[in-house]
Amino acid sequence: MGTPNKILSKELQVSENEVKLEKFKTELKKKQFIEEIKNGLGAEIKLNPRTIRIIKKPWSVKLKNFLGKIFTKF
């Protein structure tokens, strides 16, 4: 039977290895998730990942929202 210090150090090493394993698993799952998202995107987004295209609302939607704001205030 080992001394208590050796047993404690062994348990400490085991727990540290478990923490490293969990961190590794988390990083792997993150990378897999990001790859799934990238694979699900269209070709245009893959080619131009940093371009932003603003989608403007039609005037009818703007008018509807404006009237809704007016009538909900009273």
C-alpha atoms as a PDB file:
ATOM      1  CA  MET A   1       0.000   0.000   0.000  1.00  0.00           C
ATOM      2  CA  GLY A   2       1.298   3.451  -0.935  1.00  0.00           C
ATOM      3  CA  THR A   3       1.682   6.449   1.221  1.00  0.00           C
ATOM      4  CA  PRO A   4      -1.214   8.904   1.394  1.00  0.00           C
ATOM      5  CA  ASN A   5       0.775  11.510  -0.571  1.00  0.00           C
ATOM      6  CA  LYS A   6       1.283   9.127  -3.493  1.00  0.00           C
ATOM      7  CA  ILE A   7      -2.384   8.199  -3.508  1.00  0.00           C
ATOM      8  CA  LEU A   8      -3.427  11.852  -3.420  1.00  0.00           C
ATOM      9  CA  SER A   9      -1.017  12.785  -6.182  1.00  0.00           C
ATOM     10  CA  LYS A  10      -2.317   9.916  -8.325  1.00  0.00           C
ATOM     11  CA  GLU A  11      -5.929  11.022  -7.757  1.00  0.00           C
ATOM     12  CA  LEU A  12      -4.940  14.592  -8.581  1.00  0.00           C
ATOM     13  CA  GLN A  13      -3.355  13.459 -11.857  1.00  0.00           C
ATOM     14  CA  VAL A  14      -6.462  11.471 -12.738  1.00  0.00           C
ATOM     15  CA  SER A  15      -8.727  14.448 -12.095  1.00  0.00           C
ATOM     16  CA  GLU A  16      -6.444  16.754 -14.123  1.00  0.00           C
ATOM     17  CA  ASN A  17      -6.533  14.295 -17.015  1.00  0.00           C
ATOM     18  CA  GLU A  18     -10.327  14.197 -16.830  1.00  0.00           C
ATOM     19  CA  VAL A  19     -10.450  18.001 -17.020  1.00  0.00           C
ATOM     20  CA  LYS A  20      -8.120  17.967 -20.040  1.00  0.00           C
ATOM     21  CA  LEU A  21     -10.325  15.328 -21.677  1.00  0.00           C
ATOM     22  CA  GLU A  22     -13.464  17.413 -21.145  1.00  0.00           C
ATOM     23  CA  LYS A  23     -11.764  20.511 -22.578  1.00  0.00           C
ATOM     24  CA  PHE A  24     -10.639  18.510 -25.601  1.00  0.00           C
ATOM     25  CA  LYS A  25     -14.140  17.117 -26.141  1.00  0.00           C
ATOM     26  CA  THR A  26     -15.627  20.595 -25.898  1.00  0.00           C
ATOM     27  CA  GLU A  27     -13.196  22.016 -28.466  1.00  0.00           C
ATOM     28  CA  LEU A  28     -13.888  19.088 -30.792  1.00  0.00           C
ATOM     29  CA  LYS A  29     -17.649  19.577 -30.539  1.00  0.00           C
ATOM     30  CA  LYS A  30     -17.256  23.318 -31.183  1.00  0.00           C
ATOM     31  CA  LYS A  31     -15.218  22.679 -34.322  1.00  0.00           C
ATOM     32  CA  GLN A  32     -17.692  20.063 -35.543  1.00  0.00           C
ATOM     33  CA  PHE A  33     -20.594  22.441 -34.963  1.00  0.00           C
ATOM     34  CA  ILE A  34     -18.858  25.243 -36.864  1.00  0.00           C
ATOM     35  CA  GLU A  35     -18.106  22.903 -39.754  1.00  0.00           C
ATOM     36  CA  GLU A  36     -21.752  21.775 -39.856  1.00  0.00           C
ATOM     37  CA  ILE A  37     -22.866  25.400 -40.025  1.00  0.00           C
ATOM     38  CA  LYS A  38     -20.368  26.172 -42.783  1.00  0.00           C
ATOM     39  CA  ASN A  39     -21.437  23.133 -44.777  1.00  0.00           C
ATOM     40  CA  GLY A  40     -25.074  24.171 -44.505  1.00  0.00           C
ATOM     41  CA  LEU A  41     -24.458  27.657 -45.900  1.00  0.00           C
ATOM     42  CA  GLY A  42     -24.916  28.614 -49.510  1.00  0.00           C
ATOM     43  CA  ALA A  43     -22.085  28.975 -51.999  1.00  0.00           C
ATOM     44  CA  GLU A  44     -22.317  32.771 -51.989  1.00  0.00           C
ATOM     45  CA  ILE A  45     -21.742  32.972 -48.252  1.00  0.00           C
ATOM     46  CA  LYS A  46     -18.839  30.542 -48.465  1.00  0.00           C
ATOM     47  CA  LEU A  47     -17.168  32.654 -51.153  1.00  0.00           C
ATOM     48  CA  ASN A  48     -17.827  36.030 -49.467  1.00  0.00           C
ATOM     49  CA  PRO A  49     -17.989  35.373 -45.728  1.00  0.00           C
ATOM     50  CA  ARG A  50     -17.384  38.964 -44.616  1.00  0.00           C
ATOM     51  CA  THR A  51     -19.750  40.822 -46.931  1.00  0.00           C
ATOM     52  CA  ILE A  52     -22.936  42.166 -45.417  1.00  0.00           C
ATOM     53  CA  ARG A  53     -26.077  42.693 -47.423  1.00  0.00           C
ATOM     54  CA  ILE A  54     -28.779  44.798 -45.805  1.00  0.00           C
ATOM     55  CA  ILE A  55     -32.275  43.526 -46.456  1.00  0.00           C
ATOM     56  CA  LYS A  56     -34.666  46.468 -46.642  1.00  0.00           C
ATOM     57  CA  LYS A  57     -38.313  46.099 -45.711  1.00  0.00           C
ATOM     58  CA  PRO A  58     -40.884  46.991 -48.361  1.00  0.00           C
ATOM     59  CA  TRP A  59     -42.814  50.249 -47.891  1.00  0.00           C
ATOM     60  CA  SER A  60     -46.018  48.345 -47.111  1.00  0.00           C
ATOM     61  CA  VAL A  61     -44.390  46.666 -44.112  1.00  0.00           C
ATOM     62  CA  LYS A  62     -42.949  49.990 -42.955  1.00  0.00           C
ATOM     63  CA  LEU A  63     -46.388  51.612 -43.206  1.00  0.00           C
ATOM     64  CA  LYS A  64     -48.018  48.748 -41.304  1.00  0.00           C
ATOM     65  CA  ASN A  65     -45.436  49.001 -38.520  1.00  0.00           C
ATOM     66  CA  PHE A  66     -45.808  52.797 -38.343  1.00  0.00           C
ATOM     67  CA  LEU A  67     -49.586  52.595 -38.052  1.00  0.00           C
ATOM     68  CA  GLY A  68     -49.286  49.813 -35.493  1.00  0.00           C
ATOM     69  CA  LYS A  69     -47.020  51.997 -33.359  1.00  0.00           C
ATOM     70  CA  ILE A  70     -49.435  54.925 -33.563  1.00  0.00           C
ATOM     71  CA  PHE A  71     -52.540  52.951 -32.611  1.00  0.00           C
ATOM     72  CA  THR A  72     -50.934  50.962 -29.805  1.00  0.00           C
ATOM     73  CA  LYS A  73     -49.866  54.122 -27.971  1.00  0.00           C
ATOM     74  CA  PHE A  74     -53.469  55.125 -27.162  1.00  0.00           C
END
